N, C-alpha and C. Protein backbone atom coordinates (compact mmCIF):
# COMPACT_ATOMS: atom_id res chain seq x y z
N MET A 1 -29.90 -110.48 -94.60
CA MET A 1 -30.01 -111.39 -96.06
C MET A 1 -28.87 -111.62 -96.68
N PHE A 2 -28.18 -110.36 -97.31
CA PHE A 2 -27.27 -110.56 -98.10
C PHE A 2 -25.99 -111.10 -97.52
N ASN A 3 -25.85 -110.76 -96.14
CA ASN A 3 -24.47 -111.15 -95.31
C ASN A 3 -24.50 -112.99 -95.15
N ARG A 4 -25.65 -113.42 -95.34
CA ARG A 4 -25.74 -114.96 -95.27
C ARG A 4 -25.12 -115.44 -96.69
N LEU A 5 -25.24 -114.59 -97.79
CA LEU A 5 -24.87 -115.24 -99.00
C LEU A 5 -23.41 -115.12 -99.05
N GLN A 6 -22.70 -114.56 -98.07
CA GLN A 6 -21.55 -114.29 -98.14
C GLN A 6 -20.55 -115.76 -97.78
N ALA A 7 -21.30 -116.59 -97.38
CA ALA A 7 -20.66 -117.87 -96.90
C ALA A 7 -20.42 -118.58 -98.26
N TYR A 8 -21.10 -118.15 -99.24
CA TYR A 8 -21.19 -119.10 -100.36
C TYR A 8 -20.51 -118.33 -101.58
N GLN A 9 -19.53 -117.20 -101.20
CA GLN A 9 -18.87 -116.68 -102.30
C GLN A 9 -17.98 -117.38 -103.19
N SER A 10 -17.52 -118.73 -102.68
CA SER A 10 -16.45 -119.31 -103.42
C SER A 10 -17.39 -120.12 -104.48
N GLU A 11 -18.65 -120.80 -104.08
CA GLU A 11 -19.55 -121.41 -104.87
C GLU A 11 -20.01 -120.36 -106.06
N ILE A 12 -20.33 -119.50 -105.75
CA ILE A 12 -21.03 -118.67 -106.49
C ILE A 12 -20.03 -118.03 -107.63
N ARG A 13 -18.70 -117.78 -107.14
CA ARG A 13 -17.52 -117.39 -107.98
C ARG A 13 -17.42 -118.60 -109.17
N SER A 14 -17.54 -119.90 -108.66
CA SER A 14 -17.30 -121.10 -109.47
C SER A 14 -18.45 -121.00 -110.83
N VAL A 15 -19.81 -120.84 -110.10
CA VAL A 15 -20.88 -120.79 -111.19
C VAL A 15 -20.78 -119.64 -112.28
N LEU A 16 -20.00 -118.56 -111.55
CA LEU A 16 -19.71 -117.47 -112.67
C LEU A 16 -18.60 -117.82 -113.50
N ARG A 17 -17.38 -118.43 -112.85
CA ARG A 17 -16.73 -118.80 -114.02
C ARG A 17 -16.83 -119.85 -115.09
N VAL A 18 -18.00 -121.02 -114.69
CA VAL A 18 -18.46 -121.67 -115.79
C VAL A 18 -19.07 -121.09 -116.67
N MET A 19 -20.25 -120.08 -116.16
CA MET A 19 -21.20 -119.58 -117.12
C MET A 19 -20.06 -118.63 -118.01
N THR A 20 -19.25 -117.97 -117.78
CA THR A 20 -18.26 -116.86 -118.28
C THR A 20 -17.78 -117.86 -119.50
N GLY A 21 -17.17 -119.21 -118.96
CA GLY A 21 -16.61 -119.94 -119.92
C GLY A 21 -17.38 -120.52 -120.80
N LEU A 22 -18.65 -120.80 -120.79
CA LEU A 22 -19.45 -121.54 -121.72
C LEU A 22 -19.96 -120.55 -122.60
N LEU A 23 -20.16 -119.13 -122.12
CA LEU A 23 -20.55 -118.06 -123.10
C LEU A 23 -19.10 -117.78 -123.86
N PHE A 24 -18.17 -117.77 -123.30
CA PHE A 24 -16.94 -117.27 -124.25
C PHE A 24 -16.86 -118.22 -125.24
N LEU A 25 -16.87 -119.52 -124.98
CA LEU A 25 -16.56 -120.63 -125.42
C LEU A 25 -17.45 -120.88 -127.05
N GLN A 26 -18.62 -120.03 -126.97
CA GLN A 26 -19.64 -120.40 -128.25
C GLN A 26 -18.71 -119.26 -129.16
N HIS A 27 -17.83 -118.45 -128.86
CA HIS A 27 -17.26 -117.31 -129.70
C HIS A 27 -16.08 -118.40 -130.58
N GLY A 28 -15.62 -118.97 -129.68
CA GLY A 28 -14.71 -120.01 -130.38
C GLY A 28 -15.53 -121.16 -131.24
N THR A 29 -16.19 -121.75 -130.92
CA THR A 29 -17.19 -122.70 -131.59
C THR A 29 -17.86 -122.27 -132.76
N GLN A 30 -18.21 -120.99 -132.62
CA GLN A 30 -18.65 -120.25 -134.30
C GLN A 30 -17.89 -120.10 -135.07
N LYS A 31 -16.45 -119.70 -134.63
CA LYS A 31 -15.34 -119.66 -135.53
C LYS A 31 -15.04 -120.55 -135.85
N LEU A 32 -14.70 -121.84 -135.11
CA LEU A 32 -13.89 -123.06 -135.82
C LEU A 32 -14.68 -123.86 -136.36
N PHE A 33 -16.15 -124.12 -136.00
CA PHE A 33 -16.95 -125.07 -136.40
C PHE A 33 -18.39 -124.72 -137.03
N SER A 34 -18.51 -123.27 -137.06
CA SER A 34 -19.59 -122.85 -137.54
C SER A 34 -21.23 -123.25 -136.55
N PHE A 35 -20.79 -123.28 -135.47
CA PHE A 35 -21.88 -123.97 -134.39
C PHE A 35 -21.76 -123.16 -133.45
N PRO A 36 -22.98 -122.48 -132.92
CA PRO A 36 -24.33 -123.04 -133.10
C PRO A 36 -25.17 -122.04 -134.41
N ASP A 37 -24.52 -121.37 -134.96
CA ASP A 37 -25.21 -120.72 -136.08
C ASP A 37 -24.26 -121.11 -137.58
N ALA A 38 -25.02 -122.09 -138.15
CA ALA A 38 -24.26 -122.86 -139.30
C ALA A 38 -24.32 -121.88 -140.46
N SER A 39 -25.03 -120.69 -140.28
CA SER A 39 -24.97 -119.85 -141.75
C SER A 39 -24.18 -118.95 -141.57
N LYS A 40 -23.28 -118.93 -140.43
CA LYS A 40 -21.80 -118.32 -140.27
C LYS A 40 -20.63 -119.12 -140.86
N PRO A 41 -19.70 -118.56 -141.91
CA PRO A 41 -18.97 -119.61 -142.16
C PRO A 41 -17.75 -119.65 -141.29
N MET A 42 -17.10 -120.79 -141.16
CA MET A 42 -15.72 -121.04 -140.43
C MET A 42 -14.78 -120.31 -141.04
N VAL A 43 -13.92 -119.91 -140.07
CA VAL A 43 -12.64 -118.93 -140.47
C VAL A 43 -11.78 -119.84 -140.68
N ASP A 44 -10.31 -119.08 -141.64
CA ASP A 44 -9.38 -119.84 -141.82
C ASP A 44 -8.39 -119.73 -140.65
N LEU A 45 -8.18 -120.89 -140.35
CA LEU A 45 -7.20 -121.04 -139.00
C LEU A 45 -5.85 -120.20 -138.93
N ALA A 46 -5.48 -119.95 -140.48
CA ALA A 46 -4.25 -119.25 -140.44
C ALA A 46 -4.46 -117.68 -140.29
N SER A 47 -5.55 -117.22 -140.16
CA SER A 47 -6.21 -115.73 -140.02
C SER A 47 -6.00 -115.25 -138.70
N LEU A 48 -6.22 -114.10 -138.51
CA LEU A 48 -6.29 -113.49 -137.06
C LEU A 48 -7.53 -114.16 -136.60
N SER A 49 -8.50 -114.09 -137.30
CA SER A 49 -9.90 -114.69 -136.76
C SER A 49 -9.75 -115.96 -136.34
N GLY A 50 -9.16 -116.82 -137.04
CA GLY A 50 -8.54 -118.27 -136.84
C GLY A 50 -8.05 -118.50 -135.31
N LEU A 51 -6.88 -117.60 -135.16
CA LEU A 51 -6.29 -117.58 -134.16
C LEU A 51 -7.04 -117.23 -132.69
N ALA A 52 -8.01 -116.00 -133.36
CA ALA A 52 -9.04 -115.78 -132.19
C ALA A 52 -9.82 -116.91 -131.61
N GLY A 53 -10.42 -117.88 -132.77
CA GLY A 53 -11.46 -118.91 -132.51
C GLY A 53 -10.50 -119.80 -131.46
N ILE A 54 -9.23 -120.23 -131.65
CA ILE A 54 -8.20 -121.00 -131.23
C ILE A 54 -8.26 -120.56 -129.73
N ILE A 55 -7.98 -119.34 -129.46
CA ILE A 55 -7.85 -118.84 -128.02
C ILE A 55 -9.11 -119.08 -127.08
N GLU A 56 -10.15 -118.52 -127.83
CA GLU A 56 -11.56 -118.59 -127.47
C GLU A 56 -11.85 -120.20 -127.03
N PHE A 57 -11.70 -121.07 -128.05
CA PHE A 57 -12.05 -122.29 -127.76
C PHE A 57 -11.29 -123.06 -126.57
N ALA A 58 -10.17 -122.96 -126.63
CA ALA A 58 -9.07 -123.52 -125.79
C ALA A 58 -9.18 -122.80 -124.58
N GLY A 59 -9.09 -121.38 -124.43
CA GLY A 59 -9.66 -120.80 -123.10
C GLY A 59 -10.50 -121.03 -122.44
N GLY A 60 -11.96 -121.16 -123.42
CA GLY A 60 -13.22 -121.50 -122.83
C GLY A 60 -13.40 -122.50 -122.03
N ILE A 61 -12.64 -123.82 -122.69
CA ILE A 61 -12.54 -125.08 -122.06
C ILE A 61 -11.83 -125.10 -120.72
N LEU A 62 -10.66 -124.57 -120.69
CA LEU A 62 -9.74 -124.51 -119.56
C LEU A 62 -10.43 -123.57 -118.35
N PHE A 63 -11.23 -122.67 -119.01
CA PHE A 63 -11.91 -121.74 -117.94
C PHE A 63 -13.20 -122.50 -117.23
N ILE A 64 -13.89 -123.15 -118.10
CA ILE A 64 -15.17 -123.79 -117.59
C ILE A 64 -14.64 -124.85 -116.55
N ILE A 65 -13.59 -125.73 -116.80
CA ILE A 65 -13.01 -126.90 -115.77
C ILE A 65 -12.24 -126.27 -114.86
N GLY A 66 -11.94 -124.76 -114.87
CA GLY A 66 -10.98 -124.28 -113.57
C GLY A 66 -9.66 -124.79 -113.51
N LEU A 67 -8.98 -125.13 -114.93
CA LEU A 67 -7.63 -125.54 -115.14
C LEU A 67 -6.77 -124.32 -115.41
N PHE A 68 -5.87 -124.21 -114.49
CA PHE A 68 -4.91 -122.69 -114.90
C PHE A 68 -5.54 -121.87 -114.97
N THR A 69 -6.56 -121.44 -113.97
CA THR A 69 -7.68 -120.39 -114.27
C THR A 69 -7.00 -119.04 -114.36
N ARG A 70 -6.23 -119.03 -113.23
CA ARG A 70 -5.50 -117.35 -113.26
C ARG A 70 -4.63 -117.18 -114.29
N PRO A 71 -3.68 -118.05 -114.92
CA PRO A 71 -3.03 -117.74 -116.01
C PRO A 71 -3.94 -117.57 -117.44
N VAL A 72 -4.90 -118.50 -117.52
CA VAL A 72 -5.64 -118.30 -118.61
C VAL A 72 -6.65 -117.01 -118.53
N ALA A 73 -7.07 -116.60 -117.27
CA ALA A 73 -7.78 -115.41 -117.25
C ALA A 73 -7.02 -114.29 -117.61
N PHE A 74 -5.67 -114.31 -117.39
CA PHE A 74 -4.84 -113.38 -117.41
C PHE A 74 -4.61 -113.19 -119.08
N LEU A 75 -4.51 -114.22 -119.68
CA LEU A 75 -4.33 -114.28 -121.23
C LEU A 75 -5.70 -113.73 -121.98
N LEU A 76 -7.02 -114.23 -121.26
CA LEU A 76 -8.10 -114.06 -121.72
C LEU A 76 -8.62 -112.38 -121.64
N CYS A 77 -8.09 -111.90 -120.46
CA CYS A 77 -8.36 -110.35 -119.99
C CYS A 77 -7.48 -109.59 -120.95
N GLY A 78 -6.23 -109.94 -121.42
CA GLY A 78 -5.52 -109.37 -122.54
C GLY A 78 -6.32 -109.40 -123.73
N PHE A 79 -6.69 -110.58 -124.18
CA PHE A 79 -7.38 -110.91 -125.36
C PHE A 79 -8.54 -110.23 -125.69
N ALA A 80 -9.33 -110.04 -124.56
CA ALA A 80 -10.55 -109.19 -124.74
C ALA A 80 -10.07 -107.82 -124.94
N ALA A 81 -9.31 -107.30 -124.31
CA ALA A 81 -8.87 -106.09 -124.41
C ALA A 81 -8.32 -105.52 -125.77
N VAL A 82 -7.48 -106.61 -126.27
CA VAL A 82 -6.93 -106.33 -127.60
C VAL A 82 -8.37 -106.34 -128.57
N ALA A 83 -9.03 -107.37 -128.74
CA ALA A 83 -10.31 -107.48 -129.18
C ALA A 83 -11.03 -106.06 -129.39
N TYR A 84 -11.18 -105.45 -128.09
CA TYR A 84 -12.08 -104.19 -127.76
C TYR A 84 -11.22 -103.25 -128.69
N TRP A 85 -10.01 -103.01 -128.60
CA TRP A 85 -9.36 -102.08 -129.28
C TRP A 85 -9.17 -102.03 -130.63
N MET A 86 -8.77 -103.38 -131.09
CA MET A 86 -8.76 -103.45 -132.52
C MET A 86 -10.00 -103.55 -133.51
N VAL A 87 -11.06 -104.09 -132.68
CA VAL A 87 -12.59 -104.32 -133.71
C VAL A 87 -13.09 -103.17 -133.06
N HIS A 88 -13.43 -102.65 -132.04
CA HIS A 88 -14.40 -101.94 -131.63
C HIS A 88 -13.99 -100.50 -131.30
N GLY A 89 -12.87 -100.30 -130.53
CA GLY A 89 -12.45 -98.88 -130.43
C GLY A 89 -12.25 -97.97 -131.65
N PRO A 90 -11.87 -98.24 -132.49
CA PRO A 90 -11.89 -97.32 -133.81
C PRO A 90 -13.27 -96.74 -134.19
N LYS A 91 -14.37 -97.55 -134.09
CA LYS A 91 -15.68 -97.12 -134.21
C LYS A 91 -15.88 -96.00 -133.62
N SER A 92 -15.68 -95.67 -132.26
CA SER A 92 -16.26 -94.79 -130.97
C SER A 92 -15.41 -95.33 -129.96
N PHE A 93 -15.28 -94.22 -129.20
CA PHE A 93 -14.59 -94.26 -127.94
C PHE A 93 -15.57 -94.95 -126.87
N TYR A 94 -16.88 -94.80 -127.07
CA TYR A 94 -17.83 -95.26 -126.06
C TYR A 94 -18.39 -96.57 -126.67
N PRO A 95 -18.18 -97.61 -125.56
CA PRO A 95 -18.74 -99.09 -125.72
C PRO A 95 -19.95 -98.89 -126.33
N ILE A 96 -21.06 -98.43 -125.59
CA ILE A 96 -22.11 -98.39 -126.29
C ILE A 96 -22.46 -98.11 -127.59
N MET A 97 -21.80 -97.21 -128.20
CA MET A 97 -21.72 -96.62 -129.64
C MET A 97 -20.80 -97.62 -130.81
N ASN A 98 -19.93 -98.48 -130.14
CA ASN A 98 -19.00 -99.33 -131.10
C ASN A 98 -19.41 -100.49 -130.85
N GLY A 99 -20.57 -101.05 -130.14
CA GLY A 99 -20.76 -102.57 -130.26
C GLY A 99 -19.65 -103.47 -129.12
N GLY A 100 -18.81 -102.73 -128.38
CA GLY A 100 -17.95 -103.29 -127.96
C GLY A 100 -18.01 -103.81 -126.16
N GLU A 101 -19.52 -103.46 -125.78
CA GLU A 101 -19.82 -103.68 -124.23
C GLU A 101 -19.42 -105.29 -124.01
N LEU A 102 -19.60 -106.20 -124.73
CA LEU A 102 -19.44 -107.54 -124.27
C LEU A 102 -18.00 -107.88 -124.49
N ALA A 103 -17.13 -107.39 -125.20
CA ALA A 103 -15.47 -107.27 -125.15
C ALA A 103 -15.01 -106.94 -123.88
N ALA A 104 -15.56 -105.64 -123.55
CA ALA A 104 -15.21 -104.51 -122.27
C ALA A 104 -15.57 -105.51 -121.10
N LEU A 105 -16.86 -105.99 -121.14
CA LEU A 105 -17.28 -106.95 -119.88
C LEU A 105 -16.36 -108.10 -119.63
N TYR A 106 -16.04 -108.84 -120.97
CA TYR A 106 -15.13 -109.95 -120.54
C TYR A 106 -13.93 -109.83 -120.11
N CYS A 107 -13.33 -108.70 -120.69
CA CYS A 107 -11.86 -108.16 -120.16
C CYS A 107 -11.73 -108.23 -118.46
N PHE A 108 -12.79 -107.36 -117.91
CA PHE A 108 -13.07 -107.29 -116.61
C PHE A 108 -13.36 -108.07 -115.83
N VAL A 109 -14.27 -109.03 -116.46
CA VAL A 109 -14.61 -110.41 -115.76
C VAL A 109 -13.47 -111.55 -115.51
N PHE A 110 -12.59 -111.32 -116.80
CA PHE A 110 -11.43 -112.00 -116.60
C PHE A 110 -10.31 -111.53 -115.72
N LEU A 111 -10.13 -110.32 -115.54
CA LEU A 111 -9.63 -109.72 -114.70
C LEU A 111 -9.49 -109.91 -113.35
N TYR A 112 -11.11 -109.98 -112.78
CA TYR A 112 -11.41 -110.30 -111.61
C TYR A 112 -11.03 -111.86 -111.19
N PHE A 113 -10.97 -112.60 -112.34
CA PHE A 113 -10.56 -113.93 -111.99
C PHE A 113 -9.13 -113.98 -111.63
N VAL A 114 -8.57 -113.18 -112.29
CA VAL A 114 -6.80 -112.91 -112.17
C VAL A 114 -6.71 -112.86 -110.68
N ALA A 115 -7.25 -111.95 -109.93
CA ALA A 115 -7.20 -111.70 -108.69
C ALA A 115 -7.83 -112.68 -107.63
N ALA A 116 -9.10 -113.04 -108.20
CA ALA A 116 -9.72 -113.88 -107.26
C ALA A 116 -9.80 -115.39 -107.12
N GLY A 117 -9.41 -115.95 -108.05
CA GLY A 117 -9.13 -117.14 -108.55
C GLY A 117 -10.26 -117.73 -108.65
N PRO A 118 -10.22 -119.19 -108.90
CA PRO A 118 -11.51 -120.10 -109.57
C PRO A 118 -12.78 -120.22 -108.82
N GLY A 119 -12.65 -120.30 -107.45
CA GLY A 119 -13.98 -120.85 -106.84
C GLY A 119 -13.55 -122.17 -106.49
N ILE A 120 -14.72 -122.66 -105.45
CA ILE A 120 -14.19 -123.87 -105.04
C ILE A 120 -14.61 -125.16 -105.90
N TRP A 121 -15.18 -125.01 -107.06
CA TRP A 121 -15.53 -126.07 -107.89
C TRP A 121 -14.53 -125.87 -109.29
N SER A 122 -13.68 -126.39 -109.15
CA SER A 122 -12.44 -126.10 -110.10
C SER A 122 -11.51 -127.03 -109.92
N VAL A 123 -10.67 -127.45 -111.24
CA VAL A 123 -9.73 -128.50 -110.90
C VAL A 123 -8.55 -127.96 -110.09
N ASP A 124 -8.34 -126.80 -110.38
CA ASP A 124 -7.30 -126.01 -109.60
C ASP A 124 -7.43 -126.03 -108.18
N GLU A 125 -8.69 -126.08 -107.72
CA GLU A 125 -8.89 -126.21 -106.30
C GLU A 125 -8.72 -127.48 -105.66
N LYS A 126 -9.05 -128.64 -106.67
CA LYS A 126 -8.61 -130.01 -106.11
C LYS A 126 -7.30 -130.21 -106.42
N ARG A 127 -6.41 -129.66 -107.01
CA ARG A 127 -5.11 -130.11 -107.07
C ARG A 127 -4.18 -129.47 -105.69
């Protein structure tokens, strides 16, 4: 049964890319626009959190549409790694204890896309 799914690798990779981008984009919209949780304030664009919001927002959009996927994934992989070590790493070495599971997972998902490419449903694939 699972061998039949192998024929759909590129489509499934595209779905993973879009969903990852949509989830990642929310981090940027939260910081930049206080959306979807209006109770959390917008950050100052000139701050480190503001820069993070811009990277998350722009990177998320490019990742969703699959434009410049490999370079964007490379940048976002490094971004997630830095976020992990700056925010979560000092609390504890173990992700389950420092709350950094999501940053670590994003880092390795983006690394996968650096190597694997965007999948068939992407602007990159159409160019």
